[in-house]
Amino acid sequence: MYQTYLLKLKLLSSYMSLWQSDTIYGHLLWGIFYIYGEEELKKVVDEFKSGNPPFIVSDGFIGDKLPLIEKKIVPNTYVNYLARQYKKSYTEVAVELKKFKKIKEISLKEFNDLRKEDYSNIDWLEEKLFSNEKFERESSSIATIENFHNRINRLTDSTGDNSLFSTMEYFTEKDIHIYIKLRDDYNKDKFLSLVNYMEQTGFGKKASIGKGAFKIKSFEEFNGFDEIKGNGFITLSNYIPKAYDYDAVAKSLHLVKNGKTSVGKNPFKQTFSCFKAGSIFKGGENRIKGKVLTNIHQNKDIVQIGIPFILEVNI
């Protein structure tokens, strides 16, 4: 059995790696290695491989927002129906529908509502129109800067062809929220020691020069997700499925990723693909989903954790 916790982080700097679950897993596993040793790390990785992970983490979400549960596609032709149904002008409905389609994140209450049976994103849209509410476009809570750099040829001490490249840098004043499932027999303070390690070393790319700096704001039990018995599930993490995890994909958000490691001369893992947070699936037993990718690097000890934080949904 698992207990759900909410970890809130206060950012102290910009960051250059997105707060994705597989990157968070990597930092936590390094924490195990440096604090508790190589044997403990091997034990934990084996537990992940056997489908009995001591902890499961979500992506890091900005503030209290969660992914939109998009059960149904809203066609543009729906405008005519909505205008007639709610006695509104075509233009008014078209404007609201355009704003609605740009929504990617929702509140916890909206998230729980959309997990329920017989309630979809279309019902939510109609509810707003019926009550004359407007979909307010929130200004983005993240500022993004693209920084350009030149590669220098060390032999000629100059740039060459195709030497220009860019990196992305992200800024936000809001906290990062990470949802965590802790196995009942895994000590909360032990897990928190891993987060403390991550706090000391920083998160993601360029942490050595101060990027991804944060402090732990709180780490508490979380009971905000409604208990729902669903016929499907939504992932809040990067997810690498194993056989028979689900019956069908209801909403696919896909990512191709080139992972990295700080071990050895070759920092690059093999390219892999996964589902992103917000992807929705039909069917499948309520059990641990996902798997650990092996043989992803020439160092066979290096793995990629693709076990997601999931919640049941009625589709």
C-alpha atoms as a PDB file:
ATOM      1  CA  MET A   1       0.000   0.000   0.000  1.00  0.00           C
ATOM      2  CA  TYR A   2       1.032   3.583  -0.628  1.00  0.00           C
ATOM      3  CA  GLN A   3       0.354   6.914   1.071  1.00  0.00           C
ATOM      4  CA  THR A   4       0.208  10.078  -1.035  1.00  0.00           C
ATOM      5  CA  TYR A   5       2.307  13.117  -0.111  1.00  0.00           C
ATOM      6  CA  LEU A   6       2.695  16.589  -1.567  1.00  0.00           C
ATOM      7  CA  LEU A   7       6.184  18.080  -1.785  1.00  0.00           C
ATOM      8  CA  LYS A   8       6.284  21.851  -2.271  1.00  0.00           C
ATOM      9  CA  LEU A   9       9.514  23.484  -3.432  1.00  0.00           C
ATOM     10  CA  LYS A  10      10.327  27.198  -3.404  1.00  0.00           C
ATOM     11  CA  LEU A  11      12.542  28.086  -6.352  1.00  0.00           C
ATOM     12  CA  LEU A  12      15.587  30.238  -5.648  1.00  0.00           C
ATOM     13  CA  SER A  13      16.762  30.565  -9.249  1.00  0.00           C
ATOM     14  CA  SER A  14      15.793  29.876 -12.833  1.00  0.00           C
ATOM     15  CA  TYR A  15      16.027  26.295 -14.064  1.00  0.00           C
ATOM     16  CA  MET A  16      17.136  24.713 -17.339  1.00  0.00           C
ATOM     17  CA  SER A  17      15.656  21.212 -17.078  1.00  0.00           C
ATOM     18  CA  LEU A  18      11.913  20.660 -17.016  1.00  0.00           C
ATOM     19  CA  TRP A  19      10.574  19.135 -13.818  1.00  0.00           C
ATOM     20  CA  GLN A  20       9.857  15.737 -15.349  1.00  0.00           C
ATOM     21  CA  SER A  21       9.503  12.618 -13.243  1.00  0.00           C
ATOM     22  CA  ASP A  22      12.366  10.639 -14.798  1.00  0.00           C
ATOM     23  CA  THR A  23      14.790  13.484 -14.054  1.00  0.00           C
ATOM     24  CA  ILE A  24      13.463  13.705 -10.484  1.00  0.00           C
ATOM     25  CA  TYR A  25      13.918   9.932 -10.106  1.00  0.00           C
ATOM     26  CA  GLY A  26      17.519  10.315 -11.257  1.00  0.00           C
ATOM     27  CA  HIS A  27      18.297  12.884  -8.572  1.00  0.00           C
ATOM     28  CA  LEU A  28      16.661  10.765  -5.863  1.00  0.00           C
ATOM     29  CA  LEU A  29      18.596   7.652  -6.901  1.00  0.00           C
ATOM     30  CA  TRP A  30      21.851   9.600  -6.811  1.00  0.00           C
ATOM     31  CA  GLY A  31      20.855  10.649  -3.309  1.00  0.00           C
ATOM     32  CA  ILE A  32      20.508   6.994  -2.321  1.00  0.00           C
ATOM     33  CA  PHE A  33      23.952   6.236  -3.756  1.00  0.00           C
ATOM     34  CA  TYR A  34      25.738   9.082  -1.956  1.00  0.00           C
ATOM     35  CA  ILE A  35      23.887   8.817   1.363  1.00  0.00           C
ATOM     36  CA  TYR A  36      23.218   5.078   1.753  1.00  0.00           C
ATOM     37  CA  GLY A  37      25.699   3.444  -0.600  1.00  0.00           C
ATOM     38  CA  GLU A  38      25.821   1.358  -3.754  1.00  0.00           C
ATOM     39  CA  GLU A  39      24.216  -1.754  -2.248  1.00  0.00           C
ATOM     40  CA  GLU A  40      21.178   0.222  -1.113  1.00  0.00           C
ATOM     41  CA  LEU A  41      20.893   1.763  -4.585  1.00  0.00           C
ATOM     42  CA  LYS A  42      20.979  -1.678  -6.246  1.00  0.00           C
ATOM     43  CA  LYS A  43      18.298  -2.897  -3.829  1.00  0.00           C
ATOM     44  CA  VAL A  44      16.005   0.046  -4.637  1.00  0.00           C
ATOM     45  CA  VAL A  45      16.530  -0.276  -8.413  1.00  0.00           C
ATOM     46  CA  ASP A  46      15.701  -3.999  -8.164  1.00  0.00           C
ATOM     47  CA  GLU A  47      12.468  -3.079  -6.361  1.00  0.00           C
ATOM     48  CA  PHE A  48      11.580  -0.713  -9.200  1.00  0.00           C
ATOM     49  CA  LYS A  49      12.348  -3.440 -11.742  1.00  0.00           C
ATOM     50  CA  SER A  50      10.152  -5.966  -9.914  1.00  0.00           C
ATOM     51  CA  GLY A  51       7.178  -3.571  -9.841  1.00  0.00           C
ATOM     52  CA  ASN A  52       7.388  -2.828  -6.120  1.00  0.00           C
ATOM     53  CA  PRO A  53       8.931   0.673  -6.017  1.00  0.00           C
ATOM     54  CA  PRO A  54       9.472   2.255  -2.591  1.00  0.00           C
ATOM     55  CA  PHE A  55       8.268   5.585  -3.990  1.00  0.00           C
ATOM     56  CA  ILE A  56       6.532   6.913  -7.100  1.00  0.00           C
ATOM     57  CA  VAL A  57       6.828  10.556  -8.148  1.00  0.00           C
ATOM     58  CA  SER A  58       4.853  12.829 -10.437  1.00  0.00           C
ATOM     59  CA  ASP A  59       6.216  15.587 -12.607  1.00  0.00           C
ATOM     60  CA  GLY A  60       6.744  18.902 -10.872  1.00  0.00           C
ATOM     61  CA  PHE A  61       3.708  21.118 -11.528  1.00  0.00           C
ATOM     62  CA  ILE A  62       3.646  24.891 -11.353  1.00  0.00           C
ATOM     63  CA  GLY A  63       1.622  25.866  -8.292  1.00  0.00           C
ATOM     64  CA  ASP A  64      -1.590  23.953  -7.665  1.00  0.00           C
ATOM     65  CA  LYS A  65      -2.354  23.330 -11.344  1.00  0.00           C
ATOM     66  CA  LEU A  66      -2.807  19.854 -12.849  1.00  0.00           C
ATOM     67  CA  PRO A  67      -3.128  18.559 -16.439  1.00  0.00           C
ATOM     68  CA  LEU A  68      -6.453  18.976 -18.217  1.00  0.00           C
ATOM     69  CA  ILE A  69      -8.338  15.669 -18.439  1.00  0.00           C
ATOM     70  CA  GLU A  70      -9.325  15.802 -22.096  1.00  0.00           C
ATOM     71  CA  LYS A  71     -11.778  12.917 -22.454  1.00  0.00           C
ATOM     72  CA  LYS A  72     -13.345  14.190 -25.673  1.00  0.00           C
ATOM     73  CA  ILE A  73     -12.217  16.240 -28.657  1.00  0.00           C
ATOM     74  CA  VAL A  74     -14.262  19.402 -29.135  1.00  0.00           C
ATOM     75  CA  PRO A  75     -14.681  20.000 -32.900  1.00  0.00           C
ATOM     76  CA  ASN A  76     -14.909  23.520 -34.280  1.00  0.00           C
ATOM     77  CA  THR A  77     -18.284  22.584 -35.775  1.00  0.00           C
ATOM     78  CA  TYR A  78     -19.586  22.380 -32.204  1.00  0.00           C
ATOM     79  CA  VAL A  79     -19.867  26.183 -32.207  1.00  0.00           C
ATOM     80  CA  ASN A  80     -23.173  26.171 -34.117  1.00  0.00           C
ATOM     81  CA  TYR A  81     -24.749  23.686 -31.708  1.00  0.00           C
ATOM     82  CA  LEU A  82     -23.594  25.594 -28.624  1.00  0.00           C
ATOM     83  CA  ALA A  83     -24.776  28.941 -30.008  1.00  0.00           C
ATOM     84  CA  ARG A  84     -28.273  27.552 -30.628  1.00  0.00           C
ATOM     85  CA  GLN A  85     -28.392  25.576 -27.391  1.00  0.00           C
ATOM     86  CA  TYR A  86     -27.431  28.472 -25.131  1.00  0.00           C
ATOM     87  CA  LYS A  87     -28.872  31.303 -27.227  1.00  0.00           C
ATOM     88  CA  LYS A  88     -25.567  33.047 -27.691  1.00  0.00           C
ATOM     89  CA  SER A  89     -24.016  34.620 -30.749  1.00  0.00           C
ATOM     90  CA  TYR A  90     -21.767  32.534 -32.967  1.00  0.00           C
ATOM     91  CA  THR A  91     -18.896  34.968 -32.375  1.00  0.00           C
ATOM     92  CA  GLU A  92     -19.228  34.857 -28.581  1.00  0.00           C
ATOM     93  CA  VAL A  93     -19.191  31.063 -28.517  1.00  0.00           C
ATOM     94  CA  ALA A  94     -16.309  30.886 -31.009  1.00  0.00           C
ATOM     95  CA  VAL A  95     -14.217  33.215 -28.834  1.00  0.00           C
ATOM     96  CA  GLU A  96     -14.906  31.141 -25.705  1.00  0.00           C
ATOM     97  CA  LEU A  97     -14.194  27.888 -27.536  1.00  0.00           C
ATOM     98  CA  LYS A  98     -10.865  29.246 -28.775  1.00  0.00           C
ATOM     99  CA  LYS A  99      -9.866  30.158 -25.199  1.00  0.00           C
ATOM    100  CA  PHE A 100     -11.128  26.792 -23.951  1.00  0.00           C
ATOM    101  CA  LYS A 101      -8.951  24.878 -26.417  1.00  0.00           C
ATOM    102  CA  LYS A 102      -5.834  26.653 -25.145  1.00  0.00           C
ATOM    103  CA  ILE A 103      -6.377  25.450 -21.573  1.00  0.00           C
ATOM    104  CA  LYS A 104      -3.738  22.878 -20.606  1.00  0.00           C
ATOM    105  CA  GLU A 105      -3.815  23.157 -16.801  1.00  0.00           C
ATOM    106  CA  ILE A 106      -6.725  23.191 -14.360  1.00  0.00           C
ATOM    107  CA  SER A 107      -7.387  23.513 -10.634  1.00  0.00           C
ATOM    108  CA  LEU A 108      -7.548  20.545  -8.251  1.00  0.00           C
ATOM    109  CA  LYS A 109     -11.360  20.852  -8.006  1.00  0.00           C
ATOM    110  CA  GLU A 110     -11.761  20.870 -11.787  1.00  0.00           C
ATOM    111  CA  PHE A 111      -9.342  17.938 -12.026  1.00  0.00           C
ATOM    112  CA  ASN A 112     -11.356  15.862  -9.537  1.00  0.00           C
ATOM    113  CA  ASP A 113     -14.640  16.778 -11.257  1.00  0.00           C
ATOM    114  CA  LEU A 114     -13.327  15.669 -14.642  1.00  0.00           C
ATOM    115  CA  ARG A 115     -12.219  12.322 -13.211  1.00  0.00           C
ATOM    116  CA  LYS A 116     -15.845  11.476 -12.404  1.00  0.00           C
ATOM    117  CA  GLU A 117     -18.264   9.410 -14.449  1.00  0.00           C
ATOM    118  CA  ASP A 118     -20.567  11.192 -16.917  1.00  0.00           C
ATOM    119  CA  TYR A 119     -18.604  14.447 -16.727  1.00  0.00           C
ATOM    120  CA  SER A 120     -16.214  15.447 -19.494  1.00  0.00           C
ATOM    121  CA  ASN A 121     -14.390  18.505 -20.740  1.00  0.00           C
ATOM    122  CA  ILE A 122     -17.373  19.163 -23.057  1.00  0.00           C
ATOM    123  CA  ASP A 123     -19.743  19.111 -20.053  1.00  0.00           C
ATOM    124  CA  TRP A 124     -17.397  21.563 -18.351  1.00  0.00           C
ATOM    125  CA  LEU A 125     -17.486  23.817 -21.418  1.00  0.00           C
ATOM    126  CA  GLU A 126     -21.294  23.742 -21.575  1.00  0.00           C
ATOM    127  CA  GLU A 127     -21.543  24.375 -17.838  1.00  0.00           C
ATOM    128  CA  LYS A 128     -19.464  27.527 -18.213  1.00  0.00           C
ATOM    129  CA  LEU A 129     -21.547  28.763 -21.136  1.00  0.00           C
ATOM    130  CA  PHE A 130     -24.841  27.977 -19.396  1.00  0.00           C
ATOM    131  CA  SER A 131     -23.824  29.939 -16.291  1.00  0.00           C
ATOM    132  CA  ASN A 132     -22.468  32.803 -18.437  1.00  0.00           C
ATOM    133  CA  GLU A 133     -18.987  32.303 -16.999  1.00  0.00           C
ATOM    134  CA  LYS A 134     -15.996  33.197 -19.108  1.00  0.00           C
ATOM    135  CA  PHE A 135     -12.826  31.199 -19.627  1.00  0.00           C
ATOM    136  CA  GLU A 136     -10.297  33.675 -18.352  1.00  0.00           C
ATOM    137  CA  ARG A 137      -6.943  33.350 -20.045  1.00  0.00           C
ATOM    138  CA  GLU A 138      -4.343  33.356 -17.328  1.00  0.00           C
ATOM    139  CA  SER A 139      -1.039  34.923 -18.174  1.00  0.00           C
ATOM    140  CA  SER A 140       1.651  32.265 -18.316  1.00  0.00           C
ATOM    141  CA  SER A 141       3.165  31.517 -14.919  1.00  0.00           C
ATOM    142  CA  ILE A 142       6.479  30.651 -16.610  1.00  0.00           C
ATOM    143  CA  ALA A 143       8.777  33.030 -18.453  1.00  0.00           C
ATOM    144  CA  THR A 144      11.045  31.333 -20.979  1.00  0.00           C
ATOM    145  CA  ILE A 145      14.284  32.681 -22.421  1.00  0.00           C
ATOM    146  CA  GLU A 146      16.186  31.103 -25.294  1.00  0.00           C
ATOM    147  CA  ASN A 147      19.924  31.625 -24.872  1.00  0.00           C
ATOM    148  CA  PHE A 148      22.169  31.292 -27.918  1.00  0.00           C
ATOM    149  CA  HIS A 149      25.741  29.991 -27.782  1.00  0.00           C
ATOM    150  CA  ASN A 150      28.606  29.210 -30.152  1.00  0.00           C
ATOM    151  CA  ARG A 151      30.685  26.054 -30.155  1.00  0.00           C
ATOM    152  CA  ILE A 152      34.400  26.815 -30.249  1.00  0.00           C
ATOM    153  CA  ASN A 153      36.750  24.569 -32.207  1.00  0.00           C
ATOM    154  CA  ARG A 154      39.626  24.002 -29.777  1.00  0.00           C
ATOM    155  CA  LEU A 155      42.056  23.329 -32.629  1.00  0.00           C
ATOM    156  CA  THR A 156      41.358  26.522 -34.581  1.00  0.00           C
ATOM    157  CA  ASP A 157      40.167  28.601 -31.610  1.00  0.00           C
ATOM    158  CA  SER A 158      37.238  29.805 -33.708  1.00  0.00           C
ATOM    159  CA  THR A 159      33.668  28.903 -34.580  1.00  0.00           C
ATOM    160  CA  GLY A 160      32.858  26.738 -37.567  1.00  0.00           C
ATOM    161  CA  ASP A 161      29.801  25.826 -39.603  1.00  0.00           C
ATOM    162  CA  ASN A 162      26.706  24.824 -37.631  1.00  0.00           C
ATOM    163  CA  SER A 163      28.317  26.008 -34.410  1.00  0.00           C
ATOM    164  CA  LEU A 164      25.314  27.974 -33.155  1.00  0.00           C
ATOM    165  CA  PHE A 165      23.039  26.285 -30.619  1.00  0.00           C
ATOM    166  CA  SER A 166      20.522  27.397 -28.021  1.00  0.00           C
ATOM    167  CA  THR A 167      19.424  26.420 -24.522  1.00  0.00           C
ATOM    168  CA  MET A 168      16.143  27.175 -22.773  1.00  0.00           C
ATOM    169  CA  GLU A 169      15.942  28.833 -19.374  1.00  0.00           C
ATOM    170  CA  TYR A 170      12.751  28.991 -17.290  1.00  0.00           C
ATOM    171  CA  PHE A 171      11.624  31.438 -14.616  1.00  0.00           C
ATOM    172  CA  THR A 172       8.617  31.317 -12.290  1.00  0.00           C
ATOM    173  CA  GLU A 173       7.683  32.866  -8.960  1.00  0.00           C
ATOM    174  CA  LYS A 174       5.339  30.004  -8.117  1.00  0.00           C
ATOM    175  CA  ASP A 175       6.158  26.899  -6.105  1.00  0.00           C
ATOM    176  CA  ILE A 176       6.814  23.521  -7.685  1.00  0.00           C
ATOM    177  CA  HIS A 177       4.353  20.829  -6.542  1.00  0.00           C
ATOM    178  CA  ILE A 178       5.422  17.178  -6.756  1.00  0.00           C
ATOM    179  CA  TYR A 179       2.987  14.413  -5.786  1.00  0.00           C
ATOM    180  CA  ILE A 180       4.572  11.328  -4.259  1.00  0.00           C
ATOM    181  CA  LYS A 181       3.334   7.868  -3.346  1.00  0.00           C
ATOM    182  CA  LEU A 182       5.398   6.364  -0.532  1.00  0.00           C
ATOM    183  CA  ARG A 183       5.203   2.646   0.137  1.00  0.00           C
ATOM    184  CA  ASP A 184       3.960   2.062   3.676  1.00  0.00           C
ATOM    185  CA  ASP A 185       7.183   0.376   4.803  1.00  0.00           C
ATOM    186  CA  TYR A 186       9.447   3.103   3.365  1.00  0.00           C
ATOM    187  CA  ASN A 187      10.439   5.660   5.970  1.00  0.00           C
ATOM    188  CA  LYS A 188       9.216   9.194   5.306  1.00  0.00           C
ATOM    189  CA  ASP A 189      12.332  10.764   6.840  1.00  0.00           C
ATOM    190  CA  LYS A 190      14.540   8.560   4.684  1.00  0.00           C
ATOM    191  CA  PHE A 191      12.776   9.800   1.560  1.00  0.00           C
ATOM    192  CA  LEU A 192      13.047  13.378   2.791  1.00  0.00           C
ATOM    193  CA  SER A 193      16.816  12.902   3.148  1.00  0.00           C
ATOM    194  CA  LEU A 194      16.922  12.225  -0.606  1.00  0.00           C
ATOM    195  CA  VAL A 195      15.038  15.452  -1.282  1.00  0.00           C
ATOM    196  CA  ASN A 196      17.485  17.252   1.020  1.00  0.00           C
ATOM    197  CA  TYR A 197      20.317  15.900  -1.124  1.00  0.00           C
ATOM    198  CA  MET A 198      18.590  17.257  -4.218  1.00  0.00           C
ATOM    199  CA  GLU A 199      18.136  20.600  -2.443  1.00  0.00           C
ATOM    200  CA  GLN A 200      21.866  20.774  -1.709  1.00  0.00           C
ATOM    201  CA  THR A 201      22.982  19.857  -5.234  1.00  0.00           C
ATOM    202  CA  GLY A 202      20.300  21.618  -7.310  1.00  0.00           C
ATOM    203  CA  PHE A 203      18.022  20.297 -10.009  1.00  0.00           C
ATOM    204  CA  GLY A 204      18.840  19.511 -13.605  1.00  0.00           C
ATOM    205  CA  LYS A 205      21.096  21.101 -16.163  1.00  0.00           C
ATOM    206  CA  LYS A 206      23.700  23.678 -15.025  1.00  0.00           C
ATOM    207  CA  ALA A 207      22.980  23.018 -11.344  1.00  0.00           C
ATOM    208  CA  SER A 208      26.723  23.415 -10.700  1.00  0.00           C
ATOM    209  CA  ILE A 209      26.477  27.126 -11.594  1.00  0.00           C
ATOM    210  CA  GLY A 210      23.340  27.739  -9.540  1.00  0.00           C
ATOM    211  CA  LYS A 211      20.497  26.825 -11.882  1.00  0.00           C
ATOM    212  CA  GLY A 212      17.667  24.731 -10.461  1.00  0.00           C
ATOM    213  CA  ALA A 213      18.273  25.960  -6.907  1.00  0.00           C
ATOM    214  CA  PHE A 214      15.369  25.545  -4.477  1.00  0.00           C
ATOM    215  CA  LYS A 215      14.466  25.050  -0.849  1.00  0.00           C
ATOM    216  CA  ILE A 216      11.958  22.592   0.583  1.00  0.00           C
ATOM    217  CA  LYS A 217       8.808  24.451   1.609  1.00  0.00           C
ATOM    218  CA  SER A 218       6.744  21.532   2.928  1.00  0.00           C
ATOM    219  CA  PHE A 219       6.356  17.768   2.714  1.00  0.00           C
ATOM    220  CA  GLU A 220       3.005  16.546   4.023  1.00  0.00           C
ATOM    221  CA  GLU A 221       0.388  13.856   3.552  1.00  0.00           C
ATOM    222  CA  PHE A 222      -2.034  14.802   0.790  1.00  0.00           C
ATOM    223  CA  ASN A 223      -5.673  13.727   0.634  1.00  0.00           C
ATOM    224  CA  GLY A 224      -6.851  16.123  -2.062  1.00  0.00           C
ATOM    225  CA  PHE A 225      -7.385  13.518  -4.782  1.00  0.00           C
ATOM    226  CA  ASP A 226     -10.931  12.124  -4.590  1.00  0.00           C
ATOM    227  CA  GLU A 227     -11.302   8.367  -4.202  1.00  0.00           C
ATOM    228  CA  ILE A 228     -12.715   7.371  -7.583  1.00  0.00           C
ATOM    229  CA  LYS A 229     -13.192   3.899  -9.026  1.00  0.00           C
ATOM    230  CA  GLY A 230     -12.576   4.457 -12.710  1.00  0.00           C
ATOM    231  CA  ASN A 231     -12.456   2.514 -15.953  1.00  0.00           C
ATOM    232  CA  GLY A 232      -9.187   4.151 -16.950  1.00  0.00           C
ATOM    233  CA  PHE A 233      -6.351   6.259 -15.599  1.00  0.00           C
ATOM    234  CA  ILE A 234      -4.397   9.467 -16.180  1.00  0.00           C
ATOM    235  CA  THR A 235      -0.655   9.735 -15.695  1.00  0.00           C
ATOM    236  CA  LEU A 236       0.976  12.641 -13.873  1.00  0.00           C
ATOM    237  CA  SER A 237       4.466  11.499 -14.882  1.00  0.00           C
ATOM    238  CA  ASN A 238       6.523  10.423 -17.850  1.00  0.00           C
ATOM    239  CA  TYR A 239       5.318   6.882 -18.497  1.00  0.00           C
ATOM    240  CA  ILE A 240       7.015   3.962 -20.268  1.00  0.00           C
ATOM    241  CA  PRO A 241       4.306   1.264 -20.471  1.00  0.00           C
ATOM    242  CA  LYS A 242       4.792  -2.457 -20.110  1.00  0.00           C
ATOM    243  CA  ALA A 243       2.650  -5.171 -21.688  1.00  0.00           C
ATOM    244  CA  TYR A 244      -1.005  -5.260 -20.590  1.00  0.00           C
ATOM    245  CA  ASP A 245      -0.849  -1.972 -18.671  1.00  0.00           C
ATOM    246  CA  TYR A 246      -3.967  -0.701 -20.454  1.00  0.00           C
ATOM    247  CA  ASP A 247      -6.558  -1.660 -23.073  1.00  0.00           C
ATOM    248  CA  ALA A 248      -6.420   1.464 -25.245  1.00  0.00           C
ATOM    249  CA  VAL A 249      -4.982   4.975 -25.361  1.00  0.00           C
ATOM    250  CA  ALA A 250      -7.687   7.623 -24.900  1.00  0.00           C
ATOM    251  CA  LYS A 251      -5.442  10.704 -25.008  1.00  0.00           C
ATOM    252  CA  SER A 252      -1.831  10.530 -26.147  1.00  0.00           C
ATOM    253  CA  LEU A 253       0.758  13.131 -25.221  1.00  0.00           C
ATOM    254  CA  HIS A 254       4.037  11.784 -26.529  1.00  0.00           C
ATOM    255  CA  LEU A 255       7.668  12.631 -25.872  1.00  0.00           C
ATOM    256  CA  VAL A 256      10.912  11.490 -27.494  1.00  0.00           C
ATOM    257  CA  LYS A 257      13.776  12.070 -25.113  1.00  0.00           C
ATOM    258  CA  ASN A 258      17.557  11.909 -25.186  1.00  0.00           C
ATOM    259  CA  GLY A 259      18.494  11.133 -21.608  1.00  0.00           C
ATOM    260  CA  LYS A 260      21.853  11.937 -20.059  1.00  0.00           C
ATOM    261  CA  THR A 261      23.992  10.652 -17.230  1.00  0.00           C
ATOM    262  CA  SER A 262      26.900  12.140 -15.325  1.00  0.00           C
ATOM    263  CA  VAL A 263      28.738   8.797 -15.160  1.00  0.00           C
ATOM    264  CA  GLY A 264      31.650   7.880 -17.424  1.00  0.00           C
ATOM    265  CA  LYS A 265      32.997   9.408 -20.601  1.00  0.00           C
ATOM    266  CA  ASN A 266      29.769   9.016 -22.587  1.00  0.00           C
ATOM    267  CA  PRO A 267      27.029  11.197 -21.039  1.00  0.00           C
ATOM    268  CA  PHE A 268      24.304  10.173 -23.487  1.00  0.00           C
ATOM    269  CA  LYS A 269      21.695   7.477 -23.006  1.00  0.00           C
ATOM    270  CA  GLN A 270      19.932   5.924 -25.959  1.00  0.00           C
ATOM    271  CA  THR A 271      16.926   7.817 -27.288  1.00  0.00           C
ATOM    272  CA  PHE A 272      13.621   6.586 -25.878  1.00  0.00           C
ATOM    273  CA  SER A 273       9.960   7.538 -26.136  1.00  0.00           C
ATOM    274  CA  CYS A 274       7.321   7.819 -23.438  1.00  0.00           C
ATOM    275  CA  PHE A 275       3.896   9.220 -22.668  1.00  0.00           C
ATOM    276  CA  LYS A 276       3.794  12.600 -20.931  1.00  0.00           C
ATOM    277  CA  ALA A 277       1.739  13.772 -17.964  1.00  0.00           C
ATOM    278  CA  GLY A 278      -1.882  14.270 -19.015  1.00  0.00           C
ATOM    279  CA  SER A 279      -2.048  11.142 -21.177  1.00  0.00           C
ATOM    280  CA  ILE A 280      -5.192   9.074 -20.547  1.00  0.00           C
ATOM    281  CA  PHE A 281      -5.710   5.327 -20.917  1.00  0.00           C
ATOM    282  CA  LYS A 282      -8.700   2.977 -20.935  1.00  0.00           C
ATOM    283  CA  GLY A 283      -8.851  -0.191 -18.879  1.00  0.00           C
ATOM    284  CA  GLY A 284      -6.097  -1.963 -17.056  1.00  0.00           C
ATOM    285  CA  GLU A 285      -6.068  -3.202 -13.482  1.00  0.00           C
ATOM    286  CA  ASN A 286      -5.396  -0.733 -10.690  1.00  0.00           C
ATOM    287  CA  ARG A 287      -1.780  -1.693 -10.073  1.00  0.00           C
ATOM    288  CA  ILE A 288       1.719  -0.335 -10.565  1.00  0.00           C
ATOM    289  CA  LYS A 289       2.092   0.789 -14.172  1.00  0.00           C
ATOM    290  CA  GLY A 290       5.190   1.294 -16.276  1.00  0.00           C
ATOM    291  CA  LYS A 291       8.619  -0.251 -16.248  1.00  0.00           C
ATOM    292  CA  VAL A 292      12.328   0.367 -15.908  1.00  0.00           C
ATOM    293  CA  LEU A 293      14.253   0.628 -19.176  1.00  0.00           C
ATOM    294  CA  THR A 294      17.531  -1.293 -19.162  1.00  0.00           C
ATOM    295  CA  ASN A 295      20.322  -1.486 -21.769  1.00  0.00           C
ATOM    296  CA  ILE A 296      19.898   2.222 -22.360  1.00  0.00           C
ATOM    297  CA  HIS A 297      23.605   3.012 -21.943  1.00  0.00           C
ATOM    298  CA  GLN A 298      26.907   1.192 -22.469  1.00  0.00           C
ATOM    299  CA  ASN A 299      27.126   1.087 -18.665  1.00  0.00           C
ATOM    300  CA  LYS A 300      24.583  -1.651 -17.903  1.00  0.00           C
ATOM    301  CA  ASP A 301      23.972  -0.319 -14.383  1.00  0.00           C
ATOM    302  CA  ILE A 302      22.333   2.814 -15.802  1.00  0.00           C
ATOM    303  CA  VAL A 303      18.554   2.616 -16.172  1.00  0.00           C
ATOM    304  CA  GLN A 304      15.597   4.853 -16.992  1.00  0.00           C
ATOM    305  CA  ILE A 305      12.633   4.875 -14.586  1.00  0.00           C
ATOM    306  CA  GLY A 306       9.306   4.982 -16.434  1.00  0.00           C
ATOM    307  CA  ILE A 307       6.957   4.150 -13.547  1.00  0.00           C
ATOM    308  CA  PRO A 308       4.262   6.861 -13.332  1.00  0.00           C
ATOM    309  CA  PHE A 309       2.099   8.423 -10.664  1.00  0.00           C
ATOM    310  CA  ILE A 310      -1.423   7.550 -11.861  1.00  0.00           C
ATOM    311  CA  LEU A 311      -4.982   8.321 -10.791  1.00  0.00           C
ATOM    312  CA  GLU A 312      -8.128   6.521 -11.839  1.00  0.00           C
ATOM    313  CA  VAL A 313     -10.486   8.272 -14.253  1.00  0.00           C
ATOM    314  CA  ASN A 314     -13.923   7.481 -15.648  1.00  0.00           C
ATOM    315  CA  ILE A 315     -13.784   7.857 -19.410  1.00  0.00           C
END
